[in-house]
Amino acid sequence: MPGEKKHSKKREAILAKIRSMKTHPSAITVYEELRKEIPDLSLGTVYRNLALFREEGKVVSVGVVNGQERFDGNTMEHTHFVCTLCGDVMDIDVPLDKNLKDDIADRYGITVYSHRLTFFGECARCAPGP
């Protein structure tokens, strides 16, 4: 069908890899992990497919950390923590009011479809000791 992207083993491997990684990897990290299994994989192929997956809603961008865009295979709304020293990105469980989006929409007269919340600071490994 027109406009439909073909499924390829490389594309499927890239998506499977990012969904299996809990470290919120960059394209370079995904490439380095996959080229062990797929020696003819190019970094450009990884970048193009991650961009496509982001557009299709199959992955989300966590943002740019230490100069590299980081990705998450978990597309459900959830909260992240980014260490500003080492660049680690982790999911954190933050209980949010289930009515938060509706409350914001009502207060400002807007429509809210989704949200992203990211905290920045120093992880347990990087934070100075007591």
N, C-alpha and C. Protein backbone atom coordinates (compact mmCIF):
# COMPACT_ATOMS: atom_id res chain seq x y z
N MET A 1 0.84 -1.18 0.00
CA MET A 1 0.00 0.00 0.00
C MET A 1 0.88 1.24 0.00
N PRO A 2 0.43 2.30 -0.65
CA PRO A 2 1.23 3.52 -0.70
C PRO A 2 1.45 4.10 0.70
N GLY A 3 2.67 4.57 0.92
CA GLY A 3 3.01 5.21 2.20
C GLY A 3 3.28 4.24 3.33
N GLU A 4 3.02 2.96 3.10
CA GLU A 4 3.25 1.97 4.14
C GLU A 4 4.70 1.52 4.10
N LYS A 5 5.34 1.48 5.24
CA LYS A 5 6.74 1.07 5.32
C LYS A 5 6.82 -0.45 5.37
N LYS A 6 7.76 -1.00 4.61
CA LYS A 6 7.93 -2.45 4.63
C LYS A 6 8.59 -2.88 5.94
N HIS A 7 8.23 -4.06 6.35
CA HIS A 7 8.85 -4.61 7.55
C HIS A 7 10.13 -5.32 7.13
N SER A 8 11.19 -5.01 7.79
CA SER A 8 12.45 -5.68 7.50
C SER A 8 12.99 -6.26 8.79
N LYS A 9 13.88 -7.22 8.65
CA LYS A 9 14.47 -7.84 9.84
C LYS A 9 15.26 -6.81 10.65
N LYS A 10 15.93 -5.89 9.95
CA LYS A 10 16.69 -4.85 10.66
C LYS A 10 15.75 -3.94 11.44
N ARG A 11 14.67 -3.52 10.79
CA ARG A 11 13.70 -2.63 11.44
C ARG A 11 13.10 -3.33 12.67
N GLU A 12 12.72 -4.57 12.50
CA GLU A 12 12.14 -5.33 13.62
C GLU A 12 13.16 -5.50 14.75
N ALA A 13 14.42 -5.75 14.40
CA ALA A 13 15.47 -5.92 15.41
C ALA A 13 15.71 -4.63 16.18
N ILE A 14 15.69 -3.50 15.48
CA ILE A 14 15.89 -2.20 16.13
C ILE A 14 14.78 -1.93 17.14
N LEU A 15 13.54 -2.16 16.71
CA LEU A 15 12.40 -1.93 17.61
C LEU A 15 12.44 -2.89 18.80
N ALA A 16 12.72 -4.15 18.54
CA ALA A 16 12.79 -5.13 19.63
C ALA A 16 13.90 -4.76 20.62
N LYS A 17 15.04 -4.31 20.11
CA LYS A 17 16.17 -3.96 20.98
C LYS A 17 15.81 -2.78 21.88
N ILE A 18 15.23 -1.73 21.30
CA ILE A 18 14.93 -0.55 22.12
C ILE A 18 13.85 -0.87 23.14
N ARG A 19 12.92 -1.73 22.79
CA ARG A 19 11.87 -2.10 23.74
C ARG A 19 12.42 -2.98 24.86
N SER A 20 13.50 -3.69 24.61
CA SER A 20 14.08 -4.58 25.63
C SER A 20 15.05 -3.85 26.56
N MET A 21 15.51 -2.67 26.16
CA MET A 21 16.51 -1.94 26.95
C MET A 21 15.82 -0.98 27.91
N LYS A 22 16.16 -1.04 29.16
CA LYS A 22 15.57 -0.17 30.18
C LYS A 22 16.43 1.05 30.45
N THR A 23 17.50 1.22 29.67
CA THR A 23 18.45 2.31 29.91
C THR A 23 18.15 3.56 29.10
N HIS A 24 17.07 3.55 28.32
CA HIS A 24 16.72 4.70 27.49
C HIS A 24 17.89 5.05 26.58
N PRO A 25 18.22 4.15 25.66
CA PRO A 25 19.44 4.27 24.87
C PRO A 25 19.39 5.34 23.79
N SER A 26 20.56 5.74 23.35
CA SER A 26 20.71 6.61 22.19
C SER A 26 20.76 5.72 20.95
N ALA A 27 20.69 6.34 19.78
CA ALA A 27 20.82 5.58 18.52
C ALA A 27 22.16 4.86 18.47
N ILE A 28 23.21 5.52 18.95
CA ILE A 28 24.54 4.92 18.92
C ILE A 28 24.58 3.67 19.80
N THR A 29 23.96 3.72 20.96
CA THR A 29 23.93 2.56 21.85
C THR A 29 23.17 1.40 21.21
N VAL A 30 22.03 1.70 20.59
CA VAL A 30 21.25 0.66 19.91
C VAL A 30 22.10 0.05 18.79
N TYR A 31 22.76 0.91 18.02
CA TYR A 31 23.62 0.45 16.93
C TYR A 31 24.73 -0.47 17.45
N GLU A 32 25.41 -0.03 18.50
CA GLU A 32 26.52 -0.82 19.04
C GLU A 32 26.05 -2.18 19.57
N GLU A 33 24.87 -2.21 20.16
CA GLU A 33 24.32 -3.48 20.64
C GLU A 33 23.94 -4.40 19.49
N LEU A 34 23.32 -3.84 18.45
CA LEU A 34 22.80 -4.67 17.36
C LEU A 34 23.85 -5.10 16.34
N ARG A 35 24.91 -4.34 16.19
CA ARG A 35 25.88 -4.72 15.15
C ARG A 35 26.61 -6.01 15.50
N LYS A 36 26.53 -6.42 16.76
CA LYS A 36 27.07 -7.73 17.15
C LYS A 36 26.27 -8.85 16.47
N GLU A 37 24.97 -8.62 16.34
CA GLU A 37 24.06 -9.60 15.73
C GLU A 37 23.88 -9.37 14.24
N ILE A 38 23.95 -8.10 13.83
CA ILE A 38 23.70 -7.72 12.43
C ILE A 38 24.90 -6.90 11.95
N PRO A 39 25.97 -7.54 11.50
CA PRO A 39 27.21 -6.83 11.15
C PRO A 39 27.05 -5.79 10.03
N ASP A 40 26.08 -5.97 9.14
CA ASP A 40 25.93 -5.01 8.04
C ASP A 40 24.96 -3.87 8.37
N LEU A 41 24.55 -3.77 9.62
CA LEU A 41 23.68 -2.67 10.05
C LEU A 41 24.47 -1.37 10.05
N SER A 42 23.86 -0.30 9.55
CA SER A 42 24.53 1.01 9.56
C SER A 42 23.90 1.90 10.62
N LEU A 43 24.70 2.84 11.11
CA LEU A 43 24.19 3.80 12.09
C LEU A 43 23.07 4.62 11.48
N GLY A 44 23.19 4.97 10.20
CA GLY A 44 22.14 5.72 9.52
C GLY A 44 20.81 4.99 9.52
N THR A 45 20.86 3.67 9.34
CA THR A 45 19.63 2.86 9.38
C THR A 45 18.98 2.95 10.75
N VAL A 46 19.78 2.91 11.79
CA VAL A 46 19.24 3.01 13.15
C VAL A 46 18.60 4.38 13.35
N TYR A 47 19.30 5.46 12.97
CA TYR A 47 18.75 6.81 13.12
C TYR A 47 17.43 6.95 12.37
N ARG A 48 17.41 6.52 11.11
CA ARG A 48 16.19 6.65 10.29
C ARG A 48 15.02 5.89 10.90
N ASN A 49 15.29 4.68 11.36
CA ASN A 49 14.21 3.87 11.92
C ASN A 49 13.73 4.40 13.26
N LEU A 50 14.62 4.91 14.09
CA LEU A 50 14.18 5.50 15.35
C LEU A 50 13.31 6.73 15.09
N ALA A 51 13.67 7.53 14.10
CA ALA A 51 12.85 8.69 13.74
C ALA A 51 11.47 8.23 13.26
N LEU A 52 11.45 7.19 12.45
CA LEU A 52 10.18 6.64 11.95
C LEU A 52 9.35 6.09 13.11
N PHE A 53 9.97 5.33 14.00
CA PHE A 53 9.24 4.78 15.14
C PHE A 53 8.68 5.88 16.03
N ARG A 54 9.44 6.96 16.19
CA ARG A 54 8.96 8.09 16.99
C ARG A 54 7.72 8.69 16.34
N GLU A 55 7.77 8.91 15.02
CA GLU A 55 6.62 9.46 14.29
C GLU A 55 5.41 8.54 14.39
N GLU A 56 5.64 7.24 14.37
CA GLU A 56 4.55 6.26 14.43
C GLU A 56 4.06 6.02 15.86
N GLY A 57 4.74 6.60 16.84
CA GLY A 57 4.35 6.42 18.23
C GLY A 57 4.79 5.09 18.83
N LYS A 58 5.74 4.43 18.19
CA LYS A 58 6.23 3.14 18.70
C LYS A 58 7.32 3.31 19.75
N VAL A 59 8.00 4.46 19.73
CA VAL A 59 8.97 4.84 20.76
C VAL A 59 8.76 6.31 21.06
N VAL A 60 9.27 6.76 22.18
CA VAL A 60 9.22 8.19 22.51
C VAL A 60 10.63 8.68 22.77
N SER A 61 10.82 9.95 22.51
CA SER A 61 12.10 10.59 22.81
C SER A 61 12.06 11.07 24.25
N VAL A 62 13.11 10.76 24.99
CA VAL A 62 13.24 11.25 26.36
C VAL A 62 13.88 12.63 26.35
N GLY A 63 14.45 13.01 25.22
CA GLY A 63 15.14 14.29 25.08
C GLY A 63 16.62 14.06 24.82
N VAL A 64 17.34 15.15 24.74
CA VAL A 64 18.77 15.08 24.47
C VAL A 64 19.51 15.10 25.80
N VAL A 65 20.33 14.09 26.01
CA VAL A 65 21.13 13.96 27.23
C VAL A 65 22.58 13.82 26.81
N ASN A 66 23.42 14.72 27.29
CA ASN A 66 24.85 14.70 26.93
C ASN A 66 25.05 14.66 25.41
N GLY A 67 24.24 15.43 24.70
CA GLY A 67 24.41 15.59 23.26
C GLY A 67 23.80 14.50 22.40
N GLN A 68 23.14 13.52 23.00
CA GLN A 68 22.53 12.44 22.22
C GLN A 68 21.06 12.29 22.60
N GLU A 69 20.21 12.20 21.57
CA GLU A 69 18.80 11.96 21.83
C GLU A 69 18.64 10.55 22.40
N ARG A 70 17.84 10.43 23.45
CA ARG A 70 17.62 9.14 24.11
C ARG A 70 16.18 8.71 23.86
N PHE A 71 15.97 7.42 23.76
CA PHE A 71 14.68 6.87 23.38
C PHE A 71 14.16 5.90 24.42
N ASP A 72 12.84 5.75 24.43
CA ASP A 72 12.18 4.84 25.36
C ASP A 72 11.18 4.00 24.57
N GLY A 73 11.26 2.69 24.72
CA GLY A 73 10.32 1.80 24.06
C GLY A 73 9.00 1.70 24.79
N ASN A 74 8.94 2.24 26.00
CA ASN A 74 7.70 2.27 26.77
C ASN A 74 6.97 3.57 26.43
N THR A 75 5.90 3.46 25.67
CA THR A 75 5.20 4.66 25.20
C THR A 75 4.07 5.10 26.14
N MET A 76 3.86 4.36 27.22
CA MET A 76 2.84 4.77 28.20
C MET A 76 3.36 6.01 28.94
N GLU A 77 2.42 6.85 29.39
CA GLU A 77 2.83 8.02 30.14
C GLU A 77 3.50 7.57 31.44
N HIS A 78 4.71 8.06 31.66
CA HIS A 78 5.42 7.77 32.90
C HIS A 78 6.49 8.83 33.09
N THR A 79 7.11 8.82 34.26
CA THR A 79 8.04 9.87 34.66
C THR A 79 9.48 9.38 34.57
N HIS A 80 10.37 10.31 34.21
CA HIS A 80 11.79 9.99 34.09
C HIS A 80 12.62 10.83 35.06
N PHE A 81 13.79 10.32 35.37
CA PHE A 81 14.82 11.06 36.09
C PHE A 81 16.08 11.01 35.24
N VAL A 82 16.71 12.17 35.03
CA VAL A 82 17.95 12.27 34.27
C VAL A 82 19.05 12.77 35.20
N CYS A 83 20.12 12.00 35.31
CA CYS A 83 21.27 12.45 36.10
C CYS A 83 22.06 13.45 35.25
N THR A 84 22.23 14.64 35.77
CA THR A 84 22.93 15.69 35.02
C THR A 84 24.44 15.50 35.02
N LEU A 85 24.94 14.56 35.81
CA LEU A 85 26.38 14.30 35.83
C LEU A 85 26.76 13.17 34.89
N CYS A 86 26.16 11.99 35.08
CA CYS A 86 26.57 10.83 34.27
C CYS A 86 25.66 10.58 33.06
N GLY A 87 24.48 11.21 33.03
CA GLY A 87 23.58 11.04 31.89
C GLY A 87 22.65 9.85 31.99
N ASP A 88 22.68 9.11 33.09
CA ASP A 88 21.74 8.00 33.23
C ASP A 88 20.31 8.52 33.19
N VAL A 89 19.44 7.74 32.56
CA VAL A 89 18.02 8.06 32.50
C VAL A 89 17.28 6.87 33.08
N MET A 90 16.37 7.12 34.01
CA MET A 90 15.63 6.01 34.60
C MET A 90 14.16 6.37 34.74
N ASP A 91 13.33 5.33 34.71
CA ASP A 91 11.92 5.50 35.00
C ASP A 91 11.77 5.61 36.50
N ILE A 92 10.91 6.52 36.93
CA ILE A 92 10.61 6.61 38.35
C ILE A 92 9.10 6.61 38.51
N ASP A 93 8.66 6.03 39.61
CA ASP A 93 7.23 5.92 39.88
C ASP A 93 6.80 7.12 40.71
N VAL A 94 6.07 8.01 40.08
CA VAL A 94 5.58 9.20 40.76
C VAL A 94 4.05 9.17 40.68
N PRO A 95 3.38 9.03 41.80
CA PRO A 95 1.91 9.00 41.75
C PRO A 95 1.38 10.39 41.39
N LEU A 96 0.68 10.45 40.27
CA LEU A 96 0.08 11.71 39.84
C LEU A 96 -1.43 11.61 39.96
N ASP A 97 -2.05 12.71 40.28
CA ASP A 97 -3.50 12.77 40.37
C ASP A 97 -4.09 12.37 39.02
N LYS A 98 -5.00 11.43 39.03
CA LYS A 98 -5.61 10.95 37.79
C LYS A 98 -6.36 12.05 37.06
N ASN A 99 -6.76 13.09 37.77
CA ASN A 99 -7.52 14.19 37.17
C ASN A 99 -6.63 15.34 36.74
N LEU A 100 -5.32 15.17 36.83
CA LEU A 100 -4.39 16.27 36.54
C LEU A 100 -4.62 16.88 35.17
N LYS A 101 -4.71 16.04 34.13
CA LYS A 101 -4.90 16.57 32.77
C LYS A 101 -6.21 17.34 32.66
N ASP A 102 -7.28 16.79 33.24
CA ASP A 102 -8.58 17.48 33.19
C ASP A 102 -8.53 18.79 33.96
N ASP A 103 -7.88 18.79 35.12
CA ASP A 103 -7.77 20.01 35.92
C ASP A 103 -7.02 21.10 35.15
N ILE A 104 -5.93 20.73 34.51
CA ILE A 104 -5.16 21.70 33.73
C ILE A 104 -5.96 22.19 32.54
N ALA A 105 -6.64 21.27 31.87
CA ALA A 105 -7.46 21.65 30.72
C ALA A 105 -8.55 22.63 31.12
N ASP A 106 -9.22 22.35 32.23
CA ASP A 106 -10.28 23.25 32.70
C ASP A 106 -9.72 24.60 33.11
N ARG A 107 -8.61 24.60 33.82
CA ARG A 107 -8.03 25.84 34.33
C ARG A 107 -7.60 26.78 33.20
N TYR A 108 -7.04 26.23 32.13
CA TYR A 108 -6.49 27.07 31.07
C TYR A 108 -7.30 27.06 29.78
N GLY A 109 -8.41 26.32 29.75
CA GLY A 109 -9.24 26.28 28.56
C GLY A 109 -8.55 25.62 27.38
N ILE A 110 -7.79 24.58 27.66
CA ILE A 110 -7.04 23.89 26.61
C ILE A 110 -7.43 22.41 26.60
N THR A 111 -6.99 21.71 25.58
CA THR A 111 -7.18 20.27 25.51
C THR A 111 -5.82 19.61 25.72
N VAL A 112 -5.75 18.71 26.67
CA VAL A 112 -4.50 18.01 26.98
C VAL A 112 -4.64 16.56 26.53
N TYR A 113 -3.73 16.13 25.65
CA TYR A 113 -3.74 14.76 25.16
C TYR A 113 -2.81 13.86 25.96
N SER A 114 -1.68 14.40 26.35
CA SER A 114 -0.71 13.61 27.09
C SER A 114 0.24 14.55 27.82
N HIS A 115 1.12 13.97 28.59
CA HIS A 115 2.11 14.78 29.31
C HIS A 115 3.40 13.97 29.44
N ARG A 116 4.48 14.69 29.72
CA ARG A 116 5.76 14.07 30.06
C ARG A 116 6.33 14.86 31.22
N LEU A 117 6.83 14.14 32.19
CA LEU A 117 7.43 14.79 33.34
C LEU A 117 8.82 14.19 33.54
N THR A 118 9.82 15.05 33.60
CA THR A 118 11.20 14.61 33.77
C THR A 118 11.84 15.41 34.90
N PHE A 119 12.44 14.70 35.83
CA PHE A 119 13.20 15.33 36.90
C PHE A 119 14.68 15.27 36.54
N PHE A 120 15.42 16.29 36.93
CA PHE A 120 16.86 16.36 36.68
C PHE A 120 17.58 16.52 38.01
N GLY A 121 18.70 15.86 38.15
CA GLY A 121 19.48 15.96 39.38
C GLY A 121 20.66 15.01 39.32
N GLU A 122 21.09 14.54 40.48
CA GLU A 122 22.23 13.63 40.57
C GLU A 122 21.75 12.28 41.07
N CYS A 123 22.13 11.22 40.35
CA CYS A 123 21.73 9.86 40.73
C CYS A 123 22.49 9.44 42.00
N ALA A 124 22.09 8.30 42.55
CA ALA A 124 22.70 7.81 43.79
C ALA A 124 24.20 7.58 43.64
N ARG A 125 24.64 7.15 42.45
CA ARG A 125 26.08 6.92 42.24
C ARG A 125 26.87 8.22 42.18
N CYS A 126 26.26 9.27 41.65
CA CYS A 126 26.98 10.54 41.44
C CYS A 126 26.84 11.53 42.59
N ALA A 127 25.77 11.41 43.36
CA ALA A 127 25.53 12.38 44.44
C ALA A 127 26.62 12.28 45.49
N PRO A 128 27.05 13.42 46.01
CA PRO A 128 28.07 13.38 47.06
C PRO A 128 27.53 12.66 48.30
N GLY A 129 28.41 11.94 48.96
CA GLY A 129 28.03 11.19 50.16
C GLY A 129 27.69 12.12 51.31
N PRO A 130 27.19 11.53 52.40
CA PRO A 130 26.78 12.34 53.58
C PRO A 130 27.93 13.04 54.25
